[in-house]
Amino acid sequence: MLSAVAIVPSPPILVPELTGRSVTEALAVRAATLEAGGMLGALANRWIALGVHEKARTVPSDSRGSFAAYGVDVKVAFSPADVTTEIDSTIPLAALVAGWIRDHSAPCAVVDVHLVGLDTSSESCVSIGRELRKSMDDSAEPWGLLVVADGSTMLTAKAPGSFDPRAEEVQTQIDDALANADVDALAGLDRQLCAGVGVEGTAAWQTLAGIVGDGEARPRTLYRGAPFGVGYFVGTWESLSGESL
């Protein structure tokens, strides 16, 4: 059964060794992310991590990765087992962040990563989410869902994607939907508009909508902001009844 959801961003600045001079701006989002991971680990030792990649991909729990491509060889694991597999240098950023969160907030957790294709349609995302939910419900043990996705990259003039005047409204819509556990709003996000303002996490959030479905959640916002002109949201959704979401 699905016990809880943690929603986090995927910037490399979460990793202290990669932060450099941006440490001050990174502290709040990093602390919130680790708090969300700790909540998830307290409720479930089996996780599905959900993110977005150019093409659909899975990263099994016996994998090992590294942030070497981002400047420092910080290794991550997806389970507490003594895994002897070689480092997979092709593991995408969202999956690496999921592993890093596990390592630093819930080291007993076992994480299987599911990356949804960037161009997967809204309807297909919801369908994928329902299938993932079925796999959780078929298991008697509690499951946690870690959603790793970023918002708009065009919120300020110095943002990675430059500035787009539409971005603030879109980001507010996304943040409000996540802050209120509004799955209908997430499922209804305008994919073309989101892509136009540099949002790459939409497919993950729409898959989240399919996973949670009609379940009632108690949402909690831990962070929402754009310190580098990129929309970051950190929050948790827990069951109102203490049972499955």
Protein backbone atom coordinates (compact mmCIF):
# COMPACT_ATOMS: atom_id res chain seq x y z
CA MET A 1 0.00 0.00 0.00
CA LEU A 2 1.05 3.60 -0.54
CA SER A 3 1.86 5.22 2.80
CA ALA A 4 3.09 8.68 1.85
CA VAL A 5 4.52 10.91 -0.87
CA ALA A 6 7.55 13.19 -0.75
CA ILE A 7 7.94 15.78 -3.51
CA VAL A 8 11.40 17.25 -4.12
CA PRO A 9 13.40 19.01 -6.86
CA SER A 10 16.50 17.63 -8.60
CA PRO A 11 19.18 20.35 -8.65
CA PRO A 12 22.80 19.26 -8.11
CA ILE A 13 23.02 22.03 -5.48
CA LEU A 14 21.36 19.61 -3.06
CA VAL A 15 24.71 17.82 -2.82
CA PRO A 16 27.08 19.87 -0.59
CA GLU A 17 30.18 18.75 -2.48
CA LEU A 18 28.72 20.24 -5.68
CA THR A 19 27.48 23.50 -4.20
CA GLY A 20 30.55 25.70 -4.34
CA ARG A 21 29.82 29.34 -3.61
CA SER A 22 26.04 28.83 -3.78
CA VAL A 23 25.89 27.27 -0.32
CA THR A 24 23.74 29.98 1.28
CA GLU A 25 21.03 29.70 -1.35
CA ALA A 26 21.15 25.91 -1.20
CA LEU A 27 20.77 25.44 2.54
CA ALA A 28 17.01 25.89 2.83
CA VAL A 29 16.04 23.68 -0.10
CA ARG A 30 18.55 21.01 0.98
CA ALA A 31 17.27 20.96 4.56
CA ALA A 32 13.66 20.72 3.38
CA THR A 33 14.50 17.91 0.95
CA LEU A 34 16.22 15.84 3.63
CA GLU A 35 13.29 16.43 5.99
CA ALA A 36 10.89 15.15 3.32
CA GLY A 37 13.08 12.10 2.76
CA GLY A 38 13.26 11.45 6.49
CA MET A 39 9.46 11.53 6.77
CA LEU A 40 9.15 9.05 3.92
CA GLY A 41 11.76 6.75 5.45
CA ALA A 42 9.96 6.79 8.79
CA LEU A 43 6.81 5.42 7.16
CA ALA A 44 8.16 3.03 4.53
CA ASN A 45 11.38 1.19 3.69
CA ARG A 46 10.33 0.41 0.12
CA TRP A 47 10.20 3.39 -2.22
CA ILE A 48 9.37 4.11 -5.80
CA ALA A 49 11.22 7.20 -7.00
CA LEU A 50 9.53 8.95 -9.88
CA GLY A 51 11.20 11.38 -12.28
CA VAL A 52 11.41 12.47 -15.91
CA HIS A 53 14.02 11.67 -18.55
CA GLU A 54 14.30 12.08 -22.31
CA LYS A 55 13.14 8.46 -22.64
CA ALA A 56 11.43 6.16 -20.15
CA ARG A 57 13.92 4.28 -18.01
CA THR A 58 14.11 2.27 -14.80
CA VAL A 59 16.99 2.16 -12.34
CA PRO A 60 16.76 -0.95 -10.13
CA SER A 61 17.61 -0.91 -6.45
CA ASP A 62 20.85 -2.88 -6.93
CA SER A 63 22.34 -0.07 -9.03
CA ARG A 64 25.09 2.34 -8.01
CA GLY A 65 25.67 5.81 -9.42
CA SER A 66 27.91 8.86 -9.11
CA PHE A 67 27.71 12.63 -9.54
CA ALA A 68 31.10 12.57 -11.25
CA ALA A 69 29.58 14.03 -14.42
CA TYR A 70 28.57 17.08 -12.35
CA GLY A 71 32.07 17.73 -11.03
CA VAL A 72 32.64 15.55 -7.95
CA ASP A 73 32.66 11.77 -7.61
CA VAL A 74 29.92 11.55 -4.96
CA LYS A 75 28.62 8.00 -5.08
CA VAL A 76 25.02 7.01 -4.38
CA ALA A 77 23.25 3.71 -3.73
CA PHE A 78 19.62 2.68 -3.97
CA SER A 79 19.55 0.10 -1.21
CA PRO A 80 21.41 -0.67 2.03
CA ALA A 81 22.69 -3.97 0.63
CA ASP A 82 26.41 -4.44 0.05
CA VAL A 83 26.08 -4.03 -3.72
CA THR A 84 29.13 -4.93 -5.76
CA THR A 85 27.88 -3.79 -9.16
CA GLU A 86 29.99 -1.25 -10.99
CA ILE A 87 29.08 2.42 -11.03
CA ASP A 88 26.63 3.18 -13.82
CA SER A 89 27.77 6.49 -15.30
CA THR A 90 24.57 6.82 -17.38
CA ILE A 91 22.15 7.14 -14.47
CA PRO A 92 20.17 10.40 -15.00
CA LEU A 93 20.20 13.28 -12.54
CA ALA A 94 16.71 12.71 -11.10
CA ALA A 95 17.66 9.14 -10.19
CA LEU A 96 21.00 10.22 -8.70
CA VAL A 97 19.19 12.74 -6.52
CA ALA A 98 16.77 10.03 -5.37
CA GLY A 99 19.75 7.87 -4.38
CA TRP A 100 21.43 10.77 -2.59
CA ILE A 101 18.25 11.50 -0.62
CA ARG A 102 18.01 7.84 0.37
CA ASP A 103 21.65 7.77 1.44
CA HIS A 104 21.32 10.86 3.64
CA SER A 105 17.80 10.69 5.04
CA ALA A 106 16.65 7.05 4.96
CA PRO A 107 19.64 4.70 4.53
CA CYS A 108 17.49 1.62 5.26
CA ALA A 109 15.22 2.29 2.29
CA VAL A 110 15.24 0.26 -0.92
CA VAL A 111 14.51 2.44 -3.96
CA ASP A 112 13.41 1.48 -7.45
CA VAL A 113 13.48 4.43 -9.85
CA HIS A 114 10.93 4.90 -12.64
CA LEU A 115 11.69 7.72 -15.08
CA VAL A 116 8.82 8.73 -17.35
CA GLY A 117 9.58 9.88 -20.88
CA LEU A 118 9.61 13.66 -21.24
CA ASP A 119 7.06 13.63 -24.07
CA THR A 120 4.70 11.07 -22.53
CA SER A 121 1.14 12.34 -22.92
CA SER A 122 -0.93 13.42 -19.91
CA GLU A 123 -3.29 10.48 -20.39
CA SER A 124 -0.41 8.01 -20.59
CA CYS A 125 1.18 9.47 -17.45
CA VAL A 126 -2.03 8.94 -15.50
CA SER A 127 -2.25 5.39 -16.86
CA ILE A 128 1.37 4.67 -15.88
CA GLY A 129 0.60 6.02 -12.42
CA ARG A 130 -2.36 3.69 -12.01
CA GLU A 131 -0.21 0.70 -12.95
CA LEU A 132 2.47 1.71 -10.45
CA ARG A 133 -0.20 2.12 -7.79
CA LYS A 134 -1.51 -1.36 -8.52
CA SER A 135 1.95 -2.81 -7.97
CA MET A 136 2.07 -1.09 -4.56
CA ASP A 137 -1.42 -2.20 -3.60
CA ASP A 138 -0.58 -5.78 -4.52
CA SER A 139 2.09 -5.72 -1.81
CA ALA A 140 1.27 -6.00 1.88
CA GLU A 141 4.20 -3.82 2.93
CA PRO A 142 4.04 -0.02 3.12
CA TRP A 143 5.48 1.92 0.17
CA GLY A 144 6.74 5.46 -0.11
CA LEU A 145 6.69 7.53 -3.29
CA LEU A 146 9.49 10.03 -3.92
CA VAL A 147 8.69 12.44 -6.76
CA VAL A 148 11.79 14.21 -8.12
CA ALA A 149 10.96 17.06 -10.51
CA ASP A 150 11.75 20.73 -11.18
CA GLY A 151 9.58 23.66 -12.15
CA SER A 152 10.12 26.51 -14.59
CA THR A 153 13.66 27.50 -15.57
CA MET A 154 12.53 30.95 -16.75
CA LEU A 155 11.48 32.79 -13.61
CA THR A 156 14.14 35.52 -13.60
CA ALA A 157 16.47 37.26 -16.04
CA LYS A 158 19.42 35.21 -14.71
CA ALA A 159 17.58 31.89 -14.82
CA PRO A 160 19.06 29.08 -16.96
CA GLY A 161 16.34 29.51 -19.57
CA SER A 162 16.30 33.33 -19.41
CA PHE A 163 13.04 35.12 -18.47
CA ASP A 164 9.53 34.41 -19.70
CA PRO A 165 6.69 36.59 -18.35
CA ARG A 166 4.35 33.58 -18.38
CA ALA A 167 6.55 31.54 -16.06
CA GLU A 168 5.49 33.01 -12.71
CA GLU A 169 1.80 32.22 -13.24
CA VAL A 170 2.59 28.69 -14.39
CA GLN A 171 4.90 28.09 -11.44
CA THR A 172 2.28 29.37 -9.01
CA GLN A 173 -0.25 26.98 -10.52
CA ILE A 174 2.15 24.06 -10.07
CA ASP A 175 3.18 25.02 -6.54
CA ASP A 176 -0.44 25.53 -5.45
CA ALA A 177 -1.46 22.16 -6.85
CA LEU A 178 1.40 20.42 -5.03
CA ALA A 179 0.79 22.39 -1.83
CA ASN A 180 -2.89 21.38 -1.82
CA ALA A 181 -2.51 17.78 -3.06
CA ASP A 182 -4.76 18.76 -5.96
CA VAL A 183 -4.40 15.82 -8.32
CA ASP A 184 -7.00 17.18 -10.74
CA ALA A 185 -4.98 20.37 -11.18
CA LEU A 186 -1.79 18.36 -11.75
CA ALA A 187 -3.46 16.08 -14.29
CA GLY A 188 -4.82 19.14 -16.08
CA LEU A 189 -1.55 21.06 -16.42
CA ASP A 190 -1.09 22.49 -19.91
CA ARG A 191 1.83 20.47 -21.24
CA GLN A 192 2.60 22.86 -24.10
CA LEU A 193 2.60 25.91 -21.86
CA CYS A 194 4.69 24.18 -19.19
CA ALA A 195 7.26 23.15 -21.79
CA GLY A 196 7.27 26.69 -23.16
CA VAL A 197 8.43 28.09 -19.81
CA GLY A 198 11.03 25.40 -19.20
CA VAL A 199 9.11 23.03 -16.94
CA GLU A 200 10.43 19.49 -17.37
CA GLY A 201 8.75 17.87 -14.36
CA THR A 202 5.19 17.87 -15.66
CA ALA A 203 5.14 14.20 -16.66
CA ALA A 204 6.23 13.16 -13.15
CA TRP A 205 3.52 15.23 -11.47
CA GLN A 206 0.86 13.89 -13.82
CA THR A 207 2.03 10.35 -13.09
CA LEU A 208 1.75 11.24 -9.40
CA ALA A 209 -1.87 12.22 -10.07
CA GLY A 210 -2.50 8.77 -11.51
CA ILE A 211 -0.87 7.06 -8.54
CA VAL A 212 -2.81 8.92 -5.86
CA GLY A 213 -6.11 9.04 -7.75
CA ASP A 214 -9.04 9.73 -5.43
CA GLY A 215 -7.06 9.20 -2.24
CA GLU A 216 -7.33 11.92 0.38
CA ALA A 217 -4.02 13.38 1.48
CA ARG A 218 -2.81 15.77 4.16
CA PRO A 219 -0.29 18.00 2.38
CA ARG A 220 2.55 19.88 4.00
CA THR A 221 4.75 22.44 2.26
CA LEU A 222 8.39 22.50 3.36
CA TYR A 223 9.81 24.82 0.71
CA ARG A 224 8.68 26.73 -2.35
CA GLY A 225 10.85 29.24 -4.10
CA ALA A 226 13.18 29.99 -7.00
CA PRO A 227 16.59 31.00 -5.61
CA PHE A 228 18.29 30.53 -8.99
CA GLY A 229 15.35 31.46 -11.19
CA VAL A 230 14.19 27.81 -11.20
CA GLY A 231 11.02 26.72 -9.45
CA TYR A 232 11.69 24.31 -6.58
CA PHE A 233 8.96 22.77 -4.44
CA VAL A 234 9.44 20.46 -1.46
CA GLY A 235 6.51 18.94 0.38
CA THR A 236 4.87 15.79 1.69
CA TRP A 237 1.47 14.16 1.31
CA GLU A 238 0.33 11.82 4.05
CA SER A 239 -2.84 9.80 4.46
CA LEU A 240 -5.64 11.44 6.44
CA SER A 241 -6.64 8.09 7.92
CA GLY A 242 -3.17 6.75 8.68
CA GLU A 243 -3.78 3.98 6.17
CA SER A 244 -3.19 3.90 2.42
CA LEU A 245 -3.39 7.12 0.43
